N, C-alpha and C. Protein backbone atom coordinates (compact mmCIF):
# COMPACT_ATOMS: atom_id res chain seq x y z
N MET A 1 3.83 -16.59 -29.52
CA MET A 1 4.93 -15.63 -29.51
C MET A 1 4.78 -14.68 -28.39
N THR A 2 3.57 -14.21 -28.21
CA THR A 2 3.29 -13.25 -27.16
C THR A 2 3.45 -13.82 -25.78
N ASN A 3 3.01 -15.08 -25.60
CA ASN A 3 3.19 -15.79 -24.35
C ASN A 3 4.69 -15.95 -23.99
N LEU A 4 5.44 -16.27 -25.08
CA LEU A 4 6.91 -16.50 -24.91
C LEU A 4 7.56 -15.12 -24.45
N LEU A 5 7.20 -14.05 -25.09
CA LEU A 5 7.81 -12.75 -24.71
C LEU A 5 7.39 -12.40 -23.28
N THR A 6 6.13 -12.67 -22.91
CA THR A 6 5.68 -12.40 -21.58
C THR A 6 6.43 -13.23 -20.54
N LYS A 7 6.64 -14.48 -20.89
CA LYS A 7 7.38 -15.37 -20.01
C LYS A 7 8.79 -14.91 -19.78
N ILE A 8 9.42 -14.45 -20.93
CA ILE A 8 10.86 -13.98 -20.86
C ILE A 8 10.88 -12.71 -20.00
N LYS A 9 9.94 -11.86 -20.20
CA LYS A 9 9.85 -10.57 -19.48
C LYS A 9 9.64 -10.79 -17.96
N ASN A 10 8.78 -11.67 -17.65
CA ASN A 10 8.51 -12.04 -16.27
C ASN A 10 9.77 -12.71 -15.58
N THR A 11 10.45 -13.49 -16.41
CA THR A 11 11.68 -14.16 -15.86
C THR A 11 12.78 -13.15 -15.53
N ILE A 12 12.97 -12.24 -16.53
CA ILE A 12 13.98 -11.20 -16.30
C ILE A 12 13.61 -10.30 -15.19
N LYS A 13 12.36 -9.97 -15.03
CA LYS A 13 11.84 -9.12 -13.93
C LYS A 13 12.11 -9.88 -12.59
N ALA A 14 11.78 -11.20 -12.52
CA ALA A 14 11.97 -11.89 -11.30
C ALA A 14 13.49 -11.98 -10.96
N ASP A 15 14.30 -12.23 -11.98
CA ASP A 15 15.73 -12.26 -11.69
C ASP A 15 16.27 -10.94 -11.18
N LEU A 16 15.76 -9.85 -11.80
CA LEU A 16 16.19 -8.48 -11.31
C LEU A 16 15.72 -8.23 -9.95
N ASN A 17 14.54 -8.63 -9.62
CA ASN A 17 14.04 -8.40 -8.25
C ASN A 17 14.83 -9.23 -7.25
N GLU A 18 15.21 -10.43 -7.70
CA GLU A 18 15.97 -11.28 -6.81
C GLU A 18 17.41 -10.66 -6.50
N VAL A 19 17.98 -10.10 -7.64
CA VAL A 19 19.29 -9.43 -7.47
C VAL A 19 19.17 -8.24 -6.55
N LEU A 20 18.19 -7.45 -6.78
CA LEU A 20 17.99 -6.25 -5.94
C LEU A 20 17.73 -6.59 -4.50
N GLU A 21 16.92 -7.62 -4.30
CA GLU A 21 16.62 -8.09 -2.90
C GLU A 21 17.94 -8.61 -2.26
N ARG A 22 18.70 -9.37 -2.97
CA ARG A 22 19.96 -9.92 -2.44
C ARG A 22 20.87 -8.84 -2.08
N LYS A 23 20.97 -7.75 -3.00
CA LYS A 23 21.90 -6.65 -2.79
C LYS A 23 21.40 -5.83 -1.57
N GLU A 24 20.09 -5.73 -1.38
CA GLU A 24 19.55 -4.91 -0.30
C GLU A 24 19.84 -5.66 0.98
N ASN A 25 19.72 -6.97 1.00
CA ASN A 25 19.92 -7.75 2.21
C ASN A 25 21.44 -7.71 2.55
N GLN A 26 22.32 -7.64 1.57
CA GLN A 26 23.72 -7.67 1.79
C GLN A 26 24.16 -6.36 2.44
N ASN A 27 23.79 -5.30 1.88
CA ASN A 27 24.19 -3.97 2.30
C ASN A 27 23.06 -2.95 2.19
N PRO A 28 22.10 -2.88 3.09
CA PRO A 28 20.99 -1.97 2.93
C PRO A 28 21.37 -0.55 3.05
N ILE A 29 22.37 -0.21 3.86
CA ILE A 29 22.79 1.21 3.97
C ILE A 29 23.33 1.70 2.68
N THR A 30 24.17 0.97 1.99
CA THR A 30 24.76 1.31 0.74
C THR A 30 23.66 1.56 -0.28
N LEU A 31 22.70 0.61 -0.37
CA LEU A 31 21.59 0.80 -1.27
C LEU A 31 20.73 1.99 -0.97
N LEU A 32 20.50 2.24 0.30
CA LEU A 32 19.77 3.38 0.67
C LEU A 32 20.51 4.69 0.28
N ASN A 33 21.73 4.71 0.48
CA ASN A 33 22.56 5.88 0.07
C ASN A 33 22.44 6.10 -1.42
N GLN A 34 22.41 5.03 -2.21
CA GLN A 34 22.27 5.17 -3.63
C GLN A 34 20.97 5.75 -3.96
N PHE A 35 19.91 5.26 -3.35
CA PHE A 35 18.54 5.78 -3.58
C PHE A 35 18.43 7.28 -3.18
N LEU A 36 19.05 7.64 -2.03
CA LEU A 36 19.02 8.99 -1.62
C LEU A 36 19.79 9.94 -2.59
N HIS A 37 20.89 9.44 -3.10
CA HIS A 37 21.64 10.25 -4.07
C HIS A 37 20.81 10.46 -5.30
N GLU A 38 20.04 9.46 -5.78
CA GLU A 38 19.29 9.59 -6.98
C GLU A 38 18.09 10.59 -6.64
N CYS A 39 17.52 10.52 -5.46
CA CYS A 39 16.42 11.41 -5.08
C CYS A 39 16.95 12.86 -4.99
N GLU A 40 18.15 13.03 -4.53
CA GLU A 40 18.85 14.34 -4.39
C GLU A 40 18.97 14.88 -5.76
N GLN A 41 19.38 14.10 -6.72
CA GLN A 41 19.52 14.55 -8.12
C GLN A 41 18.26 15.00 -8.74
N GLU A 42 17.22 14.17 -8.52
CA GLU A 42 15.86 14.52 -9.04
C GLU A 42 15.32 15.74 -8.41
N THR A 43 15.52 15.88 -7.07
CA THR A 43 15.11 17.14 -6.40
C THR A 43 15.74 18.32 -6.86
N GLU A 44 17.04 18.21 -7.20
CA GLU A 44 17.82 19.37 -7.71
C GLU A 44 17.32 19.67 -9.16
N LYS A 45 16.95 18.65 -9.96
CA LYS A 45 16.40 18.97 -11.28
C LYS A 45 15.11 19.80 -11.13
N VAL A 46 14.28 19.40 -10.23
CA VAL A 46 12.98 20.09 -10.01
C VAL A 46 13.21 21.50 -9.53
N LYS A 47 14.27 21.63 -8.69
CA LYS A 47 14.57 23.04 -8.20
C LYS A 47 15.00 23.93 -9.40
N LYS A 48 15.75 23.38 -10.32
CA LYS A 48 16.15 24.19 -11.48
C LYS A 48 14.95 24.54 -12.26
N LEU A 49 13.96 23.60 -12.40
CA LEU A 49 12.77 23.89 -13.16
C LEU A 49 11.89 24.99 -12.48
N VAL A 50 11.92 24.94 -11.12
CA VAL A 50 11.20 26.00 -10.40
C VAL A 50 11.88 27.39 -10.61
N ASP A 51 13.19 27.36 -10.54
CA ASP A 51 13.95 28.59 -10.80
C ASP A 51 13.61 29.13 -12.25
N ARG A 52 13.63 28.18 -13.20
CA ARG A 52 13.40 28.57 -14.60
C ARG A 52 11.96 29.18 -14.76
N GLN A 53 11.04 28.52 -14.03
CA GLN A 53 9.62 28.99 -14.10
C GLN A 53 9.51 30.36 -13.53
N TYR A 54 10.27 30.73 -12.43
CA TYR A 54 10.26 32.01 -11.87
C TYR A 54 10.78 33.06 -12.91
N GLN A 55 11.88 32.64 -13.65
CA GLN A 55 12.43 33.55 -14.67
C GLN A 55 11.41 33.81 -15.69
N LEU A 56 10.70 32.71 -16.17
CA LEU A 56 9.67 32.89 -17.20
C LEU A 56 8.54 33.81 -16.71
N LYS A 57 8.16 33.65 -15.41
CA LYS A 57 7.10 34.53 -14.90
C LYS A 57 7.55 35.97 -14.89
N ASP A 58 8.77 36.19 -14.52
CA ASP A 58 9.31 37.65 -14.57
C ASP A 58 9.40 38.11 -15.95
N GLU A 59 9.74 37.32 -16.91
CA GLU A 59 9.78 37.77 -18.32
C GLU A 59 8.37 38.10 -18.83
N PHE A 60 7.42 37.21 -18.53
CA PHE A 60 6.08 37.49 -18.95
C PHE A 60 5.46 38.75 -18.22
N GLU A 61 5.86 38.94 -17.00
CA GLU A 61 5.36 40.14 -16.38
C GLU A 61 5.93 41.43 -17.03
N ARG A 62 7.26 41.37 -17.34
CA ARG A 62 7.78 42.48 -18.02
C ARG A 62 7.16 42.72 -19.42
N GLU A 63 6.95 41.70 -20.19
CA GLU A 63 6.35 41.85 -21.50
C GLU A 63 4.90 42.35 -21.40
N LEU A 64 4.14 41.86 -20.31
CA LEU A 64 2.82 42.27 -20.08
C LEU A 64 2.78 43.78 -19.77
N VAL A 65 3.63 44.25 -18.94
CA VAL A 65 3.70 45.62 -18.54
C VAL A 65 4.01 46.51 -19.77
N GLU A 66 4.93 46.04 -20.56
CA GLU A 66 5.36 46.80 -21.76
C GLU A 66 4.16 46.83 -22.74
N ALA A 67 3.52 45.67 -22.98
CA ALA A 67 2.44 45.66 -23.93
C ALA A 67 1.25 46.47 -23.47
N ALA A 68 0.96 46.47 -22.19
CA ALA A 68 -0.17 47.26 -21.62
C ALA A 68 0.18 48.75 -21.76
N GLU A 69 1.42 49.15 -21.46
CA GLU A 69 1.79 50.57 -21.53
C GLU A 69 1.75 51.06 -23.00
N LEU A 70 2.18 50.18 -23.97
CA LEU A 70 2.08 50.58 -25.37
C LEU A 70 0.62 50.64 -25.84
N ALA A 71 -0.16 49.73 -25.40
CA ALA A 71 -1.60 49.81 -25.74
C ALA A 71 -2.24 51.08 -25.24
N GLU A 72 -1.97 51.40 -23.96
CA GLU A 72 -2.47 52.63 -23.38
C GLU A 72 -2.02 53.89 -24.20
N LYS A 73 -0.72 53.79 -24.55
CA LYS A 73 -0.13 54.93 -25.24
C LYS A 73 -0.81 55.11 -26.66
N ARG A 74 -0.97 54.03 -27.38
CA ARG A 74 -1.61 54.10 -28.68
C ARG A 74 -3.08 54.51 -28.53
N LYS A 75 -3.78 54.14 -27.48
CA LYS A 75 -5.15 54.51 -27.33
C LYS A 75 -5.22 55.95 -27.13
N HIS A 76 -4.38 56.51 -26.31
CA HIS A 76 -4.33 57.95 -26.15
C HIS A 76 -4.02 58.68 -27.44
N GLN A 77 -3.07 58.13 -28.21
CA GLN A 77 -2.65 58.80 -29.47
C GLN A 77 -3.78 58.73 -30.45
N SER A 78 -4.50 57.61 -30.50
CA SER A 78 -5.67 57.53 -31.43
C SER A 78 -6.78 58.51 -31.04
N GLU A 79 -6.99 58.78 -29.85
CA GLU A 79 -8.01 59.68 -29.37
C GLU A 79 -7.59 61.16 -29.80
N ILE A 80 -6.30 61.45 -29.64
CA ILE A 80 -5.81 62.77 -30.13
C ILE A 80 -5.99 62.91 -31.62
N ALA A 81 -5.55 61.86 -32.35
CA ALA A 81 -5.61 61.86 -33.84
C ALA A 81 -7.08 61.98 -34.29
N SER A 82 -8.00 61.32 -33.59
CA SER A 82 -9.44 61.43 -33.98
C SER A 82 -9.98 62.85 -33.76
N LYS A 83 -9.60 63.47 -32.59
CA LYS A 83 -10.04 64.79 -32.38
C LYS A 83 -9.43 65.82 -33.33
N ALA A 84 -8.16 65.52 -33.82
CA ALA A 84 -7.56 66.39 -34.72
C ALA A 84 -7.96 66.17 -36.18
N GLY A 85 -8.77 65.12 -36.41
CA GLY A 85 -9.19 64.87 -37.77
C GLY A 85 -8.18 64.19 -38.66
N GLU A 86 -7.15 63.60 -37.99
CA GLU A 86 -6.07 62.86 -38.72
C GLU A 86 -6.44 61.46 -38.89
N THR A 87 -7.17 61.22 -39.98
CA THR A 87 -7.73 59.90 -40.22
C THR A 87 -6.71 58.78 -40.34
N GLU A 88 -5.69 59.06 -41.13
CA GLU A 88 -4.68 58.02 -41.34
C GLU A 88 -3.91 57.75 -40.05
N LEU A 89 -3.55 58.79 -39.36
CA LEU A 89 -2.85 58.62 -38.12
C LEU A 89 -3.68 57.94 -37.01
N TYR A 90 -5.00 58.28 -37.11
CA TYR A 90 -5.98 57.64 -36.18
C TYR A 90 -6.09 56.11 -36.45
N GLN A 91 -6.16 55.80 -37.76
CA GLN A 91 -6.27 54.38 -38.15
C GLN A 91 -4.94 53.56 -37.72
N PHE A 92 -3.79 54.23 -37.88
CA PHE A 92 -2.56 53.60 -37.51
C PHE A 92 -2.51 53.40 -36.00
N ALA A 93 -2.86 54.40 -35.26
CA ALA A 93 -2.81 54.34 -33.76
C ALA A 93 -3.79 53.36 -33.30
N SER A 94 -5.00 53.33 -33.89
CA SER A 94 -6.05 52.39 -33.47
C SER A 94 -5.58 50.96 -33.71
N ALA A 95 -4.96 50.73 -34.91
CA ALA A 95 -4.51 49.39 -35.24
C ALA A 95 -3.41 48.90 -34.22
N GLU A 96 -2.53 49.86 -33.89
CA GLU A 96 -1.46 49.62 -32.96
C GLU A 96 -2.06 49.29 -31.55
N TYR A 97 -3.08 50.06 -31.18
CA TYR A 97 -3.69 49.85 -29.91
C TYR A 97 -4.31 48.52 -29.82
N GLN A 98 -4.94 48.09 -30.88
CA GLN A 98 -5.55 46.74 -31.00
C GLN A 98 -4.53 45.59 -30.87
N HIS A 99 -3.44 45.82 -31.59
CA HIS A 99 -2.34 44.89 -31.57
C HIS A 99 -1.78 44.74 -30.20
N TYR A 100 -1.49 45.77 -29.54
CA TYR A 100 -0.90 45.74 -28.24
C TYR A 100 -1.87 45.26 -27.13
N SER A 101 -3.12 45.61 -27.35
CA SER A 101 -4.13 45.10 -26.45
C SER A 101 -4.30 43.54 -26.53
N ASP A 102 -4.30 43.06 -27.77
CA ASP A 102 -4.38 41.60 -27.94
C ASP A 102 -3.17 40.91 -27.35
N ARG A 103 -1.99 41.56 -27.58
CA ARG A 103 -0.77 40.98 -27.00
C ARG A 103 -0.78 40.95 -25.50
N ALA A 104 -1.29 42.07 -24.87
CA ALA A 104 -1.34 42.14 -23.46
C ALA A 104 -2.29 41.09 -22.92
N GLU A 105 -3.45 40.88 -23.61
CA GLU A 105 -4.41 39.88 -23.14
C GLU A 105 -3.80 38.46 -23.32
N ARG A 106 -3.14 38.19 -24.41
CA ARG A 106 -2.47 36.85 -24.55
C ARG A 106 -1.45 36.66 -23.49
N LEU A 107 -0.63 37.71 -23.20
CA LEU A 107 0.36 37.57 -22.15
C LEU A 107 -0.21 37.37 -20.78
N ARG A 108 -1.37 38.04 -20.58
CA ARG A 108 -2.04 37.86 -19.27
C ARG A 108 -2.57 36.45 -19.09
N VAL A 109 -3.12 35.88 -20.16
CA VAL A 109 -3.57 34.50 -20.07
C VAL A 109 -2.39 33.60 -19.79
N SER A 110 -1.26 33.77 -20.54
CA SER A 110 -0.09 32.90 -20.49
C SER A 110 0.50 33.10 -19.02
N LEU A 111 0.47 34.35 -18.57
CA LEU A 111 1.07 34.56 -17.17
C LEU A 111 0.28 33.85 -16.14
N ASN A 112 -1.06 33.90 -16.25
CA ASN A 112 -1.93 33.14 -15.34
C ASN A 112 -1.67 31.62 -15.34
N HIS A 113 -1.44 31.16 -16.56
CA HIS A 113 -1.18 29.71 -16.70
C HIS A 113 0.26 29.36 -16.09
N ILE A 114 1.24 30.35 -16.28
CA ILE A 114 2.56 30.14 -15.73
C ILE A 114 2.45 30.15 -14.23
N LEU A 115 1.69 31.01 -13.65
CA LEU A 115 1.54 31.13 -12.21
C LEU A 115 0.93 29.81 -11.59
N ARG A 116 -0.02 29.27 -12.30
CA ARG A 116 -0.68 28.03 -11.86
C ARG A 116 0.32 26.88 -11.90
N GLN A 117 1.10 26.84 -13.04
CA GLN A 117 2.09 25.80 -13.15
C GLN A 117 3.18 25.93 -12.07
N LEU A 118 3.52 27.19 -11.84
CA LEU A 118 4.60 27.47 -10.86
C LEU A 118 4.11 27.04 -9.45
N GLU A 119 2.87 27.29 -9.12
CA GLU A 119 2.28 26.93 -7.82
C GLU A 119 2.24 25.39 -7.68
N GLU A 120 1.88 24.70 -8.73
CA GLU A 120 1.91 23.26 -8.73
C GLU A 120 3.27 22.74 -8.64
N LEU A 121 4.19 23.27 -9.36
CA LEU A 121 5.65 22.85 -9.33
C LEU A 121 6.25 23.05 -7.99
N GLU A 122 5.95 24.25 -7.31
CA GLU A 122 6.51 24.49 -6.07
C GLU A 122 5.94 23.50 -5.01
N GLY A 123 4.69 23.18 -5.11
CA GLY A 123 4.05 22.16 -4.22
C GLY A 123 4.75 20.83 -4.33
N LYS A 124 5.04 20.40 -5.64
CA LYS A 124 5.68 19.13 -5.80
C LYS A 124 7.13 19.18 -5.23
N TYR A 125 7.75 20.32 -5.47
CA TYR A 125 9.18 20.48 -5.03
C TYR A 125 9.27 20.48 -3.50
N GLU A 126 8.30 21.08 -2.87
CA GLU A 126 8.29 21.07 -1.38
C GLU A 126 7.94 19.68 -0.82
N GLU A 127 7.12 18.98 -1.55
CA GLU A 127 6.80 17.59 -1.15
C GLU A 127 8.04 16.66 -1.37
N MET A 128 8.80 16.91 -2.41
CA MET A 128 10.06 16.09 -2.65
C MET A 128 11.03 16.46 -1.55
N LYS A 129 11.19 17.66 -1.16
CA LYS A 129 12.12 18.09 -0.10
C LYS A 129 11.67 17.39 1.27
N ARG A 130 10.40 17.34 1.50
CA ARG A 130 9.91 16.76 2.81
C ARG A 130 10.21 15.27 2.78
N LYS A 131 9.88 14.66 1.68
CA LYS A 131 10.18 13.13 1.58
C LYS A 131 11.60 12.91 1.69
N LEU A 132 12.43 13.74 1.00
CA LEU A 132 13.89 13.54 1.16
C LEU A 132 14.37 13.71 2.53
N LYS A 133 13.81 14.66 3.27
CA LYS A 133 14.15 14.87 4.63
C LYS A 133 13.79 13.67 5.48
N ASP A 134 12.64 13.13 5.19
CA ASP A 134 12.13 11.96 5.93
C ASP A 134 13.04 10.78 5.61
N MET A 135 13.49 10.68 4.42
CA MET A 135 14.46 9.51 4.12
C MET A 135 15.73 9.72 4.84
N TYR A 136 16.18 10.97 4.99
CA TYR A 136 17.40 11.25 5.74
C TYR A 136 17.26 10.75 7.18
N ILE A 137 16.15 11.05 7.74
CA ILE A 137 15.85 10.62 9.15
C ILE A 137 15.73 9.16 9.23
N ARG A 138 15.11 8.52 8.24
CA ARG A 138 15.02 7.06 8.27
C ARG A 138 16.34 6.37 8.09
N ARG A 139 17.24 7.02 7.32
CA ARG A 139 18.59 6.52 7.17
C ARG A 139 19.36 6.61 8.51
N MET A 140 19.15 7.72 9.18
CA MET A 140 19.84 7.84 10.47
C MET A 140 19.27 6.78 11.46
N GLU A 141 18.00 6.53 11.42
CA GLU A 141 17.40 5.50 12.31
C GLU A 141 17.91 4.16 11.90
N LEU A 142 17.99 3.88 10.63
CA LEU A 142 18.46 2.58 10.19
C LEU A 142 19.98 2.40 10.57
N MET A 143 20.79 3.55 10.38
CA MET A 143 22.18 3.43 10.68
C MET A 143 22.35 3.19 12.24
N GLY A 144 21.47 3.79 13.00
CA GLY A 144 21.51 3.64 14.42
C GLY A 144 21.22 2.15 14.83
N ARG A 145 20.21 1.61 14.21
CA ARG A 145 19.87 0.19 14.44
C ARG A 145 20.99 -0.74 13.96
N GLU A 146 21.54 -0.41 12.80
CA GLU A 146 22.64 -1.26 12.28
C GLU A 146 23.87 -1.18 13.18
N ASN A 147 24.10 0.07 13.71
CA ASN A 147 25.23 0.19 14.54
C ASN A 147 25.08 -0.64 15.81
N ILE A 148 23.88 -0.56 16.40
CA ILE A 148 23.57 -1.36 17.60
C ILE A 148 23.70 -2.85 17.31
N THR A 149 23.21 -3.23 16.09
CA THR A 149 23.32 -4.67 15.73
C THR A 149 24.78 -5.11 15.63
N ARG A 150 25.59 -4.23 14.98
CA ARG A 150 27.04 -4.59 14.85
C ARG A 150 27.69 -4.58 16.19
N ALA A 151 27.32 -3.68 17.04
CA ALA A 151 27.99 -3.60 18.42
C ALA A 151 27.58 -4.85 19.18
N ASN A 152 26.31 -5.25 19.13
CA ASN A 152 25.88 -6.44 19.82
C ASN A 152 26.55 -7.68 19.24
N HIS A 153 26.71 -7.74 17.92
CA HIS A 153 27.35 -8.82 17.25
C HIS A 153 28.81 -8.89 17.77
N GLN A 154 29.47 -7.78 17.84
CA GLN A 154 30.87 -7.72 18.24
C GLN A 154 30.97 -8.17 19.73
N ILE A 155 30.13 -7.70 20.56
CA ILE A 155 30.03 -8.07 21.95
C ILE A 155 29.84 -9.55 22.15
N ASN A 156 28.92 -10.10 21.33
CA ASN A 156 28.65 -11.49 21.39
C ASN A 156 29.87 -12.34 20.88
N LYS A 157 30.63 -11.83 19.92
CA LYS A 157 31.87 -12.55 19.50
C LYS A 157 32.80 -12.58 20.60
N VAL A 158 32.95 -11.47 21.33
CA VAL A 158 33.92 -11.42 22.45
C VAL A 158 33.45 -12.39 23.56
N LEU A 159 32.19 -12.39 23.82
CA LEU A 159 31.64 -13.19 24.94
C LEU A 159 31.44 -14.67 24.58
N ASP A 160 31.36 -14.93 23.29
CA ASP A 160 31.14 -16.33 22.83
C ASP A 160 32.46 -17.11 23.03
N SER A 161 32.34 -18.45 22.90
CA SER A 161 33.46 -19.27 23.08
C SER A 161 34.55 -19.10 21.98
N THR A 162 35.76 -19.02 22.47
CA THR A 162 36.91 -19.00 21.56
C THR A 162 37.74 -20.20 21.64
N SER A 163 37.29 -21.20 22.37
CA SER A 163 38.02 -22.46 22.57
C SER A 163 37.35 -23.59 21.80
N ASN A 164 38.12 -24.55 21.39
CA ASN A 164 37.65 -25.69 20.68
C ASN A 164 37.34 -26.85 21.67
N SER A 165 37.58 -26.68 22.95
CA SER A 165 37.28 -27.70 23.98
C SER A 165 35.78 -27.79 24.19
N ASP A 166 35.43 -28.90 24.88
CA ASP A 166 34.01 -29.12 25.09
C ASP A 166 33.44 -28.01 25.98
N LYS A 167 34.26 -27.57 27.01
CA LYS A 167 33.75 -26.51 27.88
C LYS A 167 34.05 -25.10 27.31
N PRO A 168 33.01 -24.30 26.97
CA PRO A 168 33.34 -23.01 26.36
C PRO A 168 33.83 -22.01 27.34
N TYR A 169 34.90 -21.24 26.94
CA TYR A 169 35.36 -20.16 27.75
C TYR A 169 35.39 -18.92 26.86
N SER A 170 34.87 -17.82 27.33
CA SER A 170 34.97 -16.57 26.61
C SER A 170 36.25 -15.93 26.93
N ARG A 171 36.53 -14.89 26.14
CA ARG A 171 37.81 -14.08 26.39
C ARG A 171 37.78 -13.54 27.76
N PHE A 172 36.63 -12.97 28.15
CA PHE A 172 36.54 -12.38 29.50
C PHE A 172 36.70 -13.44 30.56
N GLN A 173 36.08 -14.58 30.33
CA GLN A 173 36.22 -15.72 31.29
C GLN A 173 37.69 -16.08 31.38
N ALA A 174 38.34 -16.19 30.25
CA ALA A 174 39.73 -16.60 30.28
C ALA A 174 40.65 -15.59 31.07
N ILE A 175 40.36 -14.33 30.79
CA ILE A 175 41.06 -13.32 31.48
C ILE A 175 40.75 -13.27 33.01
N GLU A 176 39.52 -13.47 33.33
CA GLU A 176 39.14 -13.51 34.73
C GLU A 176 39.78 -14.70 35.39
N GLY A 177 39.82 -15.87 34.74
CA GLY A 177 40.43 -17.10 35.23
C GLY A 177 41.96 -16.84 35.51
N TYR A 178 42.55 -16.17 34.54
CA TYR A 178 44.03 -15.88 34.70
C TYR A 178 44.27 -14.97 35.88
N LEU A 179 43.37 -13.94 36.03
CA LEU A 179 43.59 -13.03 37.20
C LEU A 179 43.40 -13.78 38.44
N ASP A 180 42.38 -14.65 38.51
CA ASP A 180 42.12 -15.43 39.69
C ASP A 180 43.36 -16.26 40.06
N ARG A 181 43.98 -16.91 39.07
CA ARG A 181 45.12 -17.78 39.28
C ARG A 181 46.29 -16.93 39.77
N LEU A 182 46.43 -15.76 39.07
CA LEU A 182 47.57 -14.86 39.43
C LEU A 182 47.43 -14.33 40.90
N GLU A 183 46.16 -13.98 41.29
CA GLU A 183 45.94 -13.49 42.61
C GLU A 183 46.16 -14.61 43.60
N ASP A 184 45.79 -15.82 43.27
CA ASP A 184 46.07 -16.96 44.19
C ASP A 184 47.58 -17.21 44.37
N GLN A 185 48.36 -17.09 43.32
CA GLN A 185 49.78 -17.21 43.36
C GLN A 185 50.41 -16.17 44.23
N VAL A 186 49.91 -14.91 44.06
CA VAL A 186 50.45 -13.82 44.86
C VAL A 186 50.11 -13.99 46.36
N ASN A 187 48.90 -14.38 46.57
CA ASN A 187 48.49 -14.63 48.01
C ASN A 187 49.32 -15.76 48.61
N ARG A 188 49.50 -16.85 47.85
CA ARG A 188 50.31 -18.00 48.41
C ARG A 188 51.77 -17.49 48.67
N ALA A 189 52.32 -16.72 47.72
CA ALA A 189 53.65 -16.22 47.90
C ALA A 189 53.69 -15.33 49.14
N PHE A 190 52.70 -14.51 49.29
CA PHE A 190 52.71 -13.63 50.50
C PHE A 190 52.66 -14.39 51.80
N HIS A 191 51.63 -15.32 51.81
CA HIS A 191 51.48 -16.05 53.05
C HIS A 191 52.76 -16.95 53.34
N SER A 192 53.35 -17.49 52.28
CA SER A 192 54.62 -18.27 52.50
C SER A 192 55.71 -17.41 52.99
N SER A 193 55.85 -16.22 52.43
CA SER A 193 56.95 -15.29 52.97
C SER A 193 56.67 -14.91 54.38
N SER A 194 55.35 -14.70 54.69
CA SER A 194 54.99 -14.33 56.05
C SER A 194 55.30 -15.41 57.06
N ILE A 195 54.97 -16.64 56.69
CA ILE A 195 55.25 -17.80 57.58
C ILE A 195 56.73 -17.89 57.80
N ASP A 196 57.51 -17.81 56.65
CA ASP A 196 59.01 -17.90 56.85
C ASP A 196 59.49 -16.85 57.77
N ALA A 197 59.04 -15.68 57.71
CA ALA A 197 59.47 -14.58 58.52
C ALA A 197 59.08 -14.78 60.00
N LYS A 198 57.90 -15.36 60.21
CA LYS A 198 57.43 -15.60 61.62
C LYS A 198 58.20 -16.77 62.19
N ILE A 199 58.50 -17.79 61.42
CA ILE A 199 59.29 -18.92 61.95
C ILE A 199 60.66 -18.52 62.29
N ALA A 200 61.27 -17.68 61.37
CA ALA A 200 62.67 -17.22 61.66
C ALA A 200 62.68 -16.34 62.90
N GLN A 201 61.64 -15.54 63.10
CA GLN A 201 61.58 -14.71 64.35
C GLN A 201 61.46 -15.53 65.55
N LEU A 202 60.58 -16.58 65.46
CA LEU A 202 60.40 -17.42 66.62
C LEU A 202 61.70 -18.18 66.97
N GLU A 203 62.48 -18.62 65.86
CA GLU A 203 63.69 -19.31 66.14
C GLU A 203 64.80 -18.44 66.80
N ASN A 204 64.72 -17.18 66.41
CA ASN A 204 65.68 -16.23 67.03
C ASN A 204 65.30 -15.97 68.50
N GLU A 205 64.01 -15.83 68.66
CA GLU A 205 63.55 -15.62 70.10
C GLU A 205 63.87 -16.82 70.98
N MET A 206 63.74 -18.01 70.46
CA MET A 206 64.02 -19.24 71.22
C MET A 206 65.54 -19.34 71.55
N LYS A 207 66.30 -18.97 70.51
CA LYS A 207 67.78 -19.10 70.74
C LYS A 207 68.23 -18.02 71.84
N MET A 208 67.65 -16.90 71.74
CA MET A 208 67.99 -15.88 72.74
C MET A 208 67.56 -16.30 74.16
N SER A 209 66.34 -16.91 74.26
CA SER A 209 65.90 -17.37 75.53
C SER A 209 66.80 -18.48 76.09
N GLU A 210 67.22 -19.44 75.19
CA GLU A 210 68.15 -20.53 75.63
C GLU A 210 69.48 -19.97 76.10
N GLY A 211 69.91 -18.92 75.44
CA GLY A 211 71.27 -18.29 75.75
C GLY A 211 71.16 -17.66 77.13
N LYS A 212 70.08 -17.05 77.47
CA LYS A 212 69.94 -16.40 78.76
C LYS A 212 69.88 -17.48 79.90
N LEU A 213 69.27 -18.60 79.59
CA LEU A 213 69.18 -19.69 80.62
C LEU A 213 70.54 -20.26 80.91
N HIS A 214 71.38 -20.49 79.88
CA HIS A 214 72.70 -21.10 80.07
C HIS A 214 73.63 -20.11 80.80
N SER A 215 73.43 -18.84 80.61
CA SER A 215 74.21 -17.79 81.24
C SER A 215 73.81 -17.63 82.69
C-alpha cells in the first residue's frame, strides 16, 4: 500500500512538473510575472509583520517606562513609610515596589526578545527586497532578450521566402526586383522619347537644308 501511494505521489509530481515546464516554455514572461506577483505579496506580508513588531516594541517600551517609574515611586514611598514607622503603609508600598520591579524586569526581558526578533525580521525583509529587486532586473533582462528574439524572428519572416516556387524570393527581394524593372522601363521610355526627338530634329534640319538647295 505504501509503495502504491508513493508511486501515485511520484506520478502526480512528475505530471505537475511537466505541466509547469510546458507552461514555462510556452510563456516564460507570464510565468515570471506570476512568480514576481506572489513574491511581492509575500514581501508585503513581511513588511506588515515588521511594522507590527515595531508597534509591539513601542508598547513594551511604554509599559517598561511606566512599570519602572511606579517601582521607583513605591520604593521611595516605602522608605518614607519606614522612617515614619508606618508599618502597614510600608508593607503595602514594599509589596507594590516588588510587584512593579518584577513587572519591569519581565518587560525588559520581553523587550530584549522583541528587539532581537525585530532585528532578525528586518534582516529577512531587506533580503527579500533585494531578491525581489534582483528578480525585477532579471525580468527586464529576459524581456530584452525575448524582444530581440521576437524582432529577429520577425526580420527573418520578412527576409525568408514568401513564394512557393523553387527559387525563393523575400519580400525585400521582390520589391527590389520590381523597382529594378520599373527603373528599366522608365529608362527605356526616356531613351525612346529622346531618340524620337533627335530623329525628328534631324528630319527637320534635313528638310530645311533641301529647301535651301532648291531655292
